[in-house]
PDB file of all heavy atoms in Angstrom:
ATOM      1  N   THR A   1       0.888  -1.222  -0.037  1.00  0.00           N
ATOM      2  CA  THR A   1       0.000   0.008   0.075  1.00  0.00           C
ATOM      3  C   THR A   1       0.871   1.278  -0.006  1.00  0.00           C
ATOM      4  O   THR A   1       2.048   1.233   0.319  1.00  0.00           O
ATOM      5  CB  THR A   1      -0.880   0.048   1.255  1.00  0.00           C
ATOM      6  OG1 THR A   1      -0.024   0.147   2.353  1.00  0.00           O
ATOM      7  CG2 THR A   1      -1.719  -1.239   1.356  1.00  0.00           C
ATOM      8  N   ALA A   2       0.217   2.355  -0.361  1.00  0.00           N
ATOM      9  CA  ALA A   2       0.911   3.640  -0.307  1.00  0.00           C
ATOM     10  C   ALA A   2       1.390   3.964   1.117  1.00  0.00           C
ATOM     11  O   ALA A   2       2.421   4.541   1.338  1.00  0.00           O
ATOM     12  CB  ALA A   2      -0.063   4.762  -0.760  1.00  0.00           C
ATOM     13  N   GLU A   3       0.614   3.609   2.126  1.00  0.00           N
ATOM     14  CA  GLU A   3       0.887   3.887   3.478  1.00  0.00           C
ATOM     15  C   GLU A   3       2.305   3.230   3.858  1.00  0.00           C
ATOM     16  O   GLU A   3       3.157   3.846   4.489  1.00  0.00           O
ATOM     17  CB  GLU A   3      -0.148   3.309   4.434  1.00  0.00           C
ATOM     18  CG  GLU A   3       0.128   3.674   5.894  1.00  0.00           C
ATOM     19  CD  GLU A   3      -1.047   3.105   6.837  1.00  0.00           C
ATOM     20  OE1 GLU A   3      -1.847   2.364   6.316  1.00  0.00           O
ATOM     21  OE2 GLU A   3      -1.032   3.538   7.937  1.00  0.00           O
ATOM     22  N   VAL A   4       2.560   1.938   3.457  1.00  0.00           N
ATOM     23  CA  VAL A   4       3.776   1.275   3.764  1.00  0.00           C
ATOM     24  C   VAL A   4       4.950   1.892   3.049  1.00  0.00           C
ATOM     25  O   VAL A   4       5.985   2.081   3.699  1.00  0.00           O
ATOM     26  CB  VAL A   4       3.633  -0.221   3.428  1.00  0.00           C
ATOM     27  CG1 VAL A   4       4.941  -0.968   3.746  1.00  0.00           C
ATOM     28  CG2 VAL A   4       2.501  -0.876   4.158  1.00  0.00           C
ATOM     29  N   MET A   5       4.736   2.249   1.769  1.00  0.00           N
ATOM     30  CA  MET A   5       5.896   2.857   1.068  1.00  0.00           C
ATOM     31  C   MET A   5       6.114   4.252   1.515  1.00  0.00           C
ATOM     32  O   MET A   5       7.356   4.668   1.525  1.00  0.00           O
ATOM     33  CB  MET A   5       5.518   2.878  -0.438  1.00  0.00           C
ATOM     34  CG  MET A   5       6.644   3.438  -1.335  1.00  0.00           C
ATOM     35  SD  MET A   5       6.399   3.173  -3.083  1.00  0.00           S
ATOM     36  CE  MET A   5       6.923   1.448  -3.229  1.00  0.00           C
ATOM     37  N   ALA A   6       5.109   4.999   1.958  1.00  0.00           N
ATOM     38  CA  ALA A   6       5.363   6.358   2.374  1.00  0.00           C
ATOM     39  C   ALA A   6       6.147   6.361   3.730  1.00  0.00           C
ATOM     40  O   ALA A   6       6.920   7.363   3.928  1.00  0.00           O
ATOM     41  CB  ALA A   6       4.008   6.946   2.735  1.00  0.00           C
ATOM     42  N   ALA A   7       6.255   5.265   4.417  1.00  0.00           N
ATOM     43  CA  ALA A   7       7.003   5.174   5.646  1.00  0.00           C
ATOM     44  C   ALA A   7       8.422   4.715   5.387  1.00  0.00           C
ATOM     45  O   ALA A   7       9.226   4.723   6.347  1.00  0.00           O
ATOM     46  CB  ALA A   7       6.339   4.151   6.669  1.00  0.00           C
ATOM     47  N   SER A   8       8.689   4.380   4.124  1.00  0.00           N
ATOM     48  CA  SER A   8      10.103   4.045   3.782  1.00  0.00           C
ATOM     49  C   SER A   8      10.833   5.228   3.342  1.00  0.00           C
ATOM     50  O   SER A   8      10.500   6.404   3.565  1.00  0.00           O
ATOM     51  CB  SER A   8       9.952   2.951   2.611  1.00  0.00           C
ATOM     52  OG  SER A   8      11.265   2.434   2.379  1.00  0.00           O
ATOM     53  N   ASN A   9      12.036   5.023   2.626  1.00  0.00           N
ATOM     54  CA  ASN A   9      12.780   6.096   2.181  1.00  0.00           C
ATOM     55  C   ASN A   9      13.438   5.708   0.887  1.00  0.00           C
ATOM     56  O   ASN A   9      13.472   4.464   0.525  1.00  0.00           O
ATOM     57  CB  ASN A   9      13.854   6.510   3.220  1.00  0.00           C
ATOM     58  CG  ASN A   9      14.868   5.480   3.524  1.00  0.00           C
ATOM     59  OD1 ASN A   9      15.768   5.118   2.677  1.00  0.00           O
ATOM     60  ND2 ASN A   9      14.803   4.930   4.652  1.00  0.00           N
ATOM     61  N   GLU A  10      13.949   6.649   0.130  1.00  0.00           N
ATOM     62  CA  GLU A  10      14.491   6.409  -1.209  1.00  0.00           C
ATOM     63  C   GLU A  10      15.702   5.393  -1.252  1.00  0.00           C
ATOM     64  O   GLU A  10      15.858   4.657  -2.227  1.00  0.00           O
ATOM     65  CB  GLU A  10      14.790   7.642  -1.928  1.00  0.00           C
ATOM     66  CG  GLU A  10      15.822   8.547  -1.259  1.00  0.00           C
ATOM     67  CD  GLU A  10      15.815   9.957  -1.929  1.00  0.00           C
ATOM     68  OE1 GLU A  10      14.962  10.734  -1.587  1.00  0.00           O
ATOM     69  OE2 GLU A  10      16.801  10.189  -2.705  1.00  0.00           O
ATOM     70  N   ASP A  11      16.498   5.477  -0.226  1.00  0.00           N
ATOM     71  CA  ASP A  11      17.660   4.590  -0.161  1.00  0.00           C
ATOM     72  C   ASP A  11      17.237   3.095  -0.115  1.00  0.00           C
ATOM     73  O   ASP A  11      17.839   2.212  -0.768  1.00  0.00           O
ATOM     74  CB  ASP A  11      18.590   4.875   0.973  1.00  0.00           C
ATOM     75  CG  ASP A  11      19.277   6.218   0.881  1.00  0.00           C
ATOM     76  OD1 ASP A  11      19.505   6.609  -0.253  1.00  0.00           O
ATOM     77  OD2 ASP A  11      19.599   6.878   1.891  1.00  0.00           O
ATOM     78  N   VAL A  12      16.186   2.844   0.640  1.00  0.00           N
ATOM     79  CA  VAL A  12      15.647   1.473   0.816  1.00  0.00           C
ATOM     80  C   VAL A  12      15.018   1.093  -0.451  1.00  0.00           C
ATOM     81  O   VAL A  12      15.231  -0.027  -0.979  1.00  0.00           O
ATOM     82  CB  VAL A  12      14.640   1.378   1.934  1.00  0.00           C
ATOM     83  CG1 VAL A  12      14.059  -0.022   2.016  1.00  0.00           C
ATOM     84  CG2 VAL A  12      15.374   1.655   3.294  1.00  0.00           C
ATOM     85  N   ILE A  13      14.161   1.923  -1.071  1.00  0.00           N
ATOM     86  CA  ILE A  13      13.488   1.621  -2.316  1.00  0.00           C
ATOM     87  C   ILE A  13      14.487   1.340  -3.465  1.00  0.00           C
ATOM     88  O   ILE A  13      14.337   0.503  -4.297  1.00  0.00           O
ATOM     89  CB  ILE A  13      12.504   2.739  -2.717  1.00  0.00           C
ATOM     90  CG1 ILE A  13      11.437   2.842  -1.641  1.00  0.00           C
ATOM     91  CG2 ILE A  13      11.793   2.397  -4.051  1.00  0.00           C
ATOM     92  CD1 ILE A  13      10.571   1.641  -1.379  1.00  0.00           C
ATOM     93  N   TYR A  14      15.570   2.126  -3.455  1.00  0.00           N
ATOM     94  CA  TYR A  14      16.573   2.015  -4.489  1.00  0.00           C
ATOM     95  C   TYR A  14      17.081   0.564  -4.616  1.00  0.00           C
ATOM     96  O   TYR A  14      17.341   0.022  -5.675  1.00  0.00           O
ATOM     97  CB  TYR A  14      17.740   2.939  -4.177  1.00  0.00           C
ATOM     98  CG  TYR A  14      18.938   2.692  -5.098  1.00  0.00           C
ATOM     99  CD1 TYR A  14      19.039   3.356  -6.302  1.00  0.00           C
ATOM    100  CD2 TYR A  14      20.012   1.805  -4.742  1.00  0.00           C
ATOM    101  CE1 TYR A  14      20.094   3.154  -7.134  1.00  0.00           C
ATOM    102  CE2 TYR A  14      21.095   1.637  -5.541  1.00  0.00           C
ATOM    103  CZ  TYR A  14      21.090   2.237  -6.749  1.00  0.00           C
ATOM    104  OH  TYR A  14      22.222   2.056  -7.550  1.00  0.00           O
ATOM    105  N   GLU A  15      17.232  -0.127  -3.495  1.00  0.00           N
ATOM    106  CA  GLU A  15      17.795  -1.502  -3.539  1.00  0.00           C
ATOM    107  C   GLU A  15      16.864  -2.480  -4.244  1.00  0.00           C
ATOM    108  O   GLU A  15      17.286  -3.437  -4.771  1.00  0.00           O
ATOM    109  CB  GLU A  15      18.033  -2.013  -2.098  1.00  0.00           C
ATOM    110  CG  GLU A  15      19.159  -1.188  -1.338  1.00  0.00           C
ATOM    111  CD  GLU A  15      20.470  -1.285  -2.115  1.00  0.00           C
ATOM    112  OE1 GLU A  15      20.839  -2.446  -2.552  1.00  0.00           O
ATOM    113  OE2 GLU A  15      21.187  -0.383  -2.195  1.00  0.00           O
ATOM    114  N   TYR A  16      15.584  -2.184  -4.254  1.00  0.00           N
ATOM    115  CA  TYR A  16      14.622  -3.023  -4.985  1.00  0.00           C
ATOM    116  C   TYR A  16      14.546  -2.712  -6.461  1.00  0.00           C
ATOM    117  O   TYR A  16      14.259  -3.631  -7.260  1.00  0.00           O
ATOM    118  CB  TYR A  16      13.197  -2.802  -4.386  1.00  0.00           C
ATOM    119  CG  TYR A  16      12.957  -3.269  -3.025  1.00  0.00           C
ATOM    120  CD1 TYR A  16      13.144  -2.532  -1.910  1.00  0.00           C
ATOM    121  CD2 TYR A  16      12.461  -4.612  -2.793  1.00  0.00           C
ATOM    122  CE1 TYR A  16      13.031  -2.950  -0.676  1.00  0.00           C
ATOM    123  CE2 TYR A  16      12.195  -5.083  -1.549  1.00  0.00           C
ATOM    124  CZ  TYR A  16      12.487  -4.229  -0.424  1.00  0.00           C
ATOM    125  OH  TYR A  16      12.265  -4.750   0.912  1.00  0.00           O
ATOM    126  N   ILE A  17      14.891  -1.498  -6.803  1.00  0.00           N
ATOM    127  CA  ILE A  17      14.700  -1.148  -8.192  1.00  0.00           C
ATOM    128  C   ILE A  17      16.076  -0.713  -8.939  1.00  0.00           C
ATOM    129  O   ILE A  17      15.931  -0.219 -10.065  1.00  0.00           O
ATOM    130  CB  ILE A  17      13.731   0.112  -8.307  1.00  0.00           C
ATOM    131  CG1 ILE A  17      14.329   1.316  -7.698  1.00  0.00           C
ATOM    132  CG2 ILE A  17      12.402  -0.262  -7.583  1.00  0.00           C
ATOM    133  CD1 ILE A  17      13.558   2.648  -8.031  1.00  0.00           C
ATOM    134  N   LYS A  18      17.180  -1.056  -8.371  1.00  0.00           N
ATOM    135  CA  LYS A  18      18.380  -0.555  -8.946  1.00  0.00           C
ATOM    136  C   LYS A  18      18.743  -1.115 -10.307  1.00  0.00           C
ATOM    137  O   LYS A  18      19.597  -0.495 -10.958  1.00  0.00           O
ATOM    138  CB  LYS A  18      19.532  -0.907  -7.983  1.00  0.00           C
ATOM    139  CG  LYS A  18      19.758  -2.345  -7.609  1.00  0.00           C
ATOM    140  CD  LYS A  18      20.822  -2.485  -6.514  1.00  0.00           C
ATOM    141  CE  LYS A  18      20.978  -3.930  -6.070  1.00  0.00           C
ATOM    142  NZ  LYS A  18      21.932  -4.047  -4.971  1.00  0.00           N
ATOM    143  N   SER A  19      18.077  -2.172 -10.771  1.00  0.00           N
ATOM    144  CA  SER A  19      18.368  -2.650 -12.073  1.00  0.00           C
ATOM    145  C   SER A  19      17.555  -1.992 -13.209  1.00  0.00           C
ATOM    146  O   SER A  19      17.736  -2.345 -14.399  1.00  0.00           O
ATOM    147  CB  SER A  19      18.084  -4.202 -12.150  1.00  0.00           C
ATOM    148  OG  SER A  19      16.687  -4.440 -11.951  1.00  0.00           O
ATOM    149  N   VAL A  20      16.608  -1.041 -12.884  1.00  0.00           N
ATOM    150  CA  VAL A  20      15.839  -0.334 -13.896  1.00  0.00           C
ATOM    151  C   VAL A  20      16.657   0.952 -14.281  1.00  0.00           C
ATOM    152  O   VAL A  20      17.639   1.274 -13.580  1.00  0.00           O
ATOM    153  CB  VAL A  20      14.409   0.071 -13.436  1.00  0.00           C
ATOM    154  CG1 VAL A  20      13.684  -1.137 -12.988  1.00  0.00           C
ATOM    155  CG2 VAL A  20      14.504   1.119 -12.291  1.00  0.00           C
ATOM    156  N   SER A  21      16.223   1.587 -15.290  1.00  0.00           N
ATOM    157  CA  SER A  21      16.906   2.814 -15.700  1.00  0.00           C
ATOM    158  C   SER A  21      16.577   3.925 -14.686  1.00  0.00           C
ATOM    159  O   SER A  21      15.510   3.937 -14.122  1.00  0.00           O
ATOM    160  CB  SER A  21      16.343   3.234 -17.124  1.00  0.00           C
ATOM    161  OG  SER A  21      14.990   3.425 -17.060  1.00  0.00           O
ATOM    162  N   TYR A  22      17.524   4.826 -14.470  1.00  0.00           N
ATOM    163  CA  TYR A  22      17.364   5.938 -13.587  1.00  0.00           C
ATOM    164  C   TYR A  22      16.875   5.549 -12.116  1.00  0.00           C
ATOM    165  O   TYR A  22      15.849   6.180 -11.693  1.00  0.00           O
ATOM    166  CB  TYR A  22      16.576   7.063 -14.178  1.00  0.00           C
ATOM    167  CG  TYR A  22      16.990   7.399 -15.596  1.00  0.00           C
ATOM    168  CD1 TYR A  22      16.346   7.004 -16.698  1.00  0.00           C
ATOM    169  CD2 TYR A  22      18.166   8.142 -15.738  1.00  0.00           C
ATOM    170  CE1 TYR A  22      16.811   7.333 -17.959  1.00  0.00           C
ATOM    171  CE2 TYR A  22      18.617   8.539 -16.999  1.00  0.00           C
ATOM    172  CZ  TYR A  22      17.918   8.011 -18.184  1.00  0.00           C
ATOM    173  OH  TYR A  22      18.312   8.358 -19.410  1.00  0.00           O
ATOM    174  N   PRO A  23      17.416   4.679 -11.534  1.00  0.00           N
ATOM    175  CA  PRO A  23      16.863   4.109 -10.234  1.00  0.00           C
ATOM    176  C   PRO A  23      16.897   5.169  -9.129  1.00  0.00           C
ATOM    177  O   PRO A  23      15.926   5.168  -8.245  1.00  0.00           O
ATOM    178  CB  PRO A  23      17.732   2.938  -9.854  1.00  0.00           C
ATOM    179  CG  PRO A  23      18.995   3.204 -10.562  1.00  0.00           C
ATOM    180  CD  PRO A  23      18.624   3.895 -11.870  1.00  0.00           C
ATOM    181  N   ASN A  24      17.896   6.067  -9.101  1.00  0.00           N
ATOM    182  CA  ASN A  24      17.903   7.125  -8.027  1.00  0.00           C
ATOM    183  C   ASN A  24      16.640   8.027  -8.116  1.00  0.00           C
ATOM    184  O   ASN A  24      15.985   8.222  -7.108  1.00  0.00           O
ATOM    185  CB  ASN A  24      19.124   7.916  -8.123  1.00  0.00           C
ATOM    186  CG  ASN A  24      20.342   7.153  -7.691  1.00  0.00           C
ATOM    187  OD1 ASN A  24      20.494   6.713  -6.596  1.00  0.00           O
ATOM    188  ND2 ASN A  24      21.366   6.914  -8.612  1.00  0.00           N
ATOM    189  N   ASN A  25      16.417   8.532  -9.352  1.00  0.00           N
ATOM    190  CA  ASN A  25      15.219   9.417  -9.527  1.00  0.00           C
ATOM    191  C   ASN A  25      13.951   8.737  -9.292  1.00  0.00           C
ATOM    192  O   ASN A  25      13.076   9.258  -8.581  1.00  0.00           O
ATOM    193  CB  ASN A  25      15.276   9.997 -10.920  1.00  0.00           C
ATOM    194  CG  ASN A  25      16.222  11.125 -11.082  1.00  0.00           C
ATOM    195  OD1 ASN A  25      16.692  11.738 -10.119  1.00  0.00           O
ATOM    196  ND2 ASN A  25      16.670  11.335 -12.380  1.00  0.00           N
ATOM    197  N   LYS A  26      13.867   7.458  -9.725  1.00  0.00           N
ATOM    198  CA  LYS A  26      12.557   6.673  -9.605  1.00  0.00           C
ATOM    199  C   LYS A  26      12.367   6.370  -8.096  1.00  0.00           C
ATOM    200  O   LYS A  26      11.185   6.327  -7.716  1.00  0.00           O
ATOM    201  CB  LYS A  26      12.649   5.441 -10.528  1.00  0.00           C
ATOM    202  CG  LYS A  26      12.561   5.806 -12.016  1.00  0.00           C
ATOM    203  CD  LYS A  26      12.657   4.651 -12.898  1.00  0.00           C
ATOM    204  CE  LYS A  26      12.503   5.065 -14.296  1.00  0.00           C
ATOM    205  NZ  LYS A  26      12.587   3.901 -15.229  1.00  0.00           N
ATOM    206  N   ALA A  27      13.402   6.083  -7.410  1.00  0.00           N
ATOM    207  CA  ALA A  27      13.241   5.707  -5.912  1.00  0.00           C
ATOM    208  C   ALA A  27      12.663   7.001  -5.231  1.00  0.00           C
ATOM    209  O   ALA A  27      11.736   6.920  -4.405  1.00  0.00           O
ATOM    210  CB  ALA A  27      14.584   5.334  -5.296  1.00  0.00           C
ATOM    211  N   LYS A  28      13.179   8.105  -5.572  1.00  0.00           N
ATOM    212  CA  LYS A  28      12.757   9.419  -5.005  1.00  0.00           C
ATOM    213  C   LYS A  28      11.334   9.658  -5.386  1.00  0.00           C
ATOM    214  O   LYS A  28      10.485  10.130  -4.516  1.00  0.00           O
ATOM    215  CB  LYS A  28      13.614  10.532  -5.476  1.00  0.00           C
ATOM    216  CG  LYS A  28      13.332  11.909  -4.866  1.00  0.00           C
ATOM    217  CD  LYS A  28      14.197  13.027  -5.401  1.00  0.00           C
ATOM    218  CE  LYS A  28      15.643  12.708  -5.209  1.00  0.00           C
ATOM    219  NZ  LYS A  28      16.500  13.788  -5.819  1.00  0.00           N
ATOM    220  N   HIS A  29      10.939   9.415  -6.647  1.00  0.00           N
ATOM    221  CA  HIS A  29       9.584   9.605  -7.110  1.00  0.00           C
ATOM    222  C   HIS A  29       8.555   8.672  -6.463  1.00  0.00           C
ATOM    223  O   HIS A  29       7.455   9.114  -6.040  1.00  0.00           O
ATOM    224  CB  HIS A  29       9.467   9.435  -8.613  1.00  0.00           C
ATOM    225  CG  HIS A  29      10.170  10.490  -9.385  1.00  0.00           C
ATOM    226  ND1 HIS A  29      10.684  10.340 -10.655  1.00  0.00           N
ATOM    227  CD2 HIS A  29      10.371  11.819  -9.121  1.00  0.00           C
ATOM    228  CE1 HIS A  29      11.255  11.454 -11.135  1.00  0.00           C
ATOM    229  NE2 HIS A  29      10.999  12.391 -10.146  1.00  0.00           N
ATOM    230  N   LEU A  30       8.948   7.437  -6.245  1.00  0.00           N
ATOM    231  CA  LEU A  30       8.088   6.492  -5.645  1.00  0.00           C
ATOM    232  C   LEU A  30       7.709   6.808  -4.265  1.00  0.00           C
ATOM    233  O   LEU A  30       6.530   6.833  -3.823  1.00  0.00           O
ATOM    234  CB  LEU A  30       8.707   5.071  -5.727  1.00  0.00           C
ATOM    235  CG  LEU A  30       8.690   4.448  -7.099  1.00  0.00           C
ATOM    236  CD1 LEU A  30       9.267   3.018  -7.058  1.00  0.00           C
ATOM    237  CD2 LEU A  30       7.346   4.406  -7.810  1.00  0.00           C
ATOM    238  N   VAL A  31       8.749   7.188  -3.483  1.00  0.00           N
ATOM    239  CA  VAL A  31       8.464   7.564  -2.069  1.00  0.00           C
ATOM    240  C   VAL A  31       7.661   8.843  -2.026  1.00  0.00           C
ATOM    241  O   VAL A  31       6.680   8.943  -1.276  1.00  0.00           O
ATOM    242  CB  VAL A  31       9.743   7.770  -1.368  1.00  0.00           C
ATOM    243  CG1 VAL A  31       9.512   8.323   0.088  1.00  0.00           C
ATOM    244  CG2 VAL A  31      10.512   6.422  -1.227  1.00  0.00           C
TER     245      VAL A  31
END
């Protein structure tokens, strides 16, 4: 849910998505 992701941070999300293009920006956007 959005609630769970909102409680995370971009450094943590980055580890899940680092194989996609522009992972730093996308991690920031997702949070």
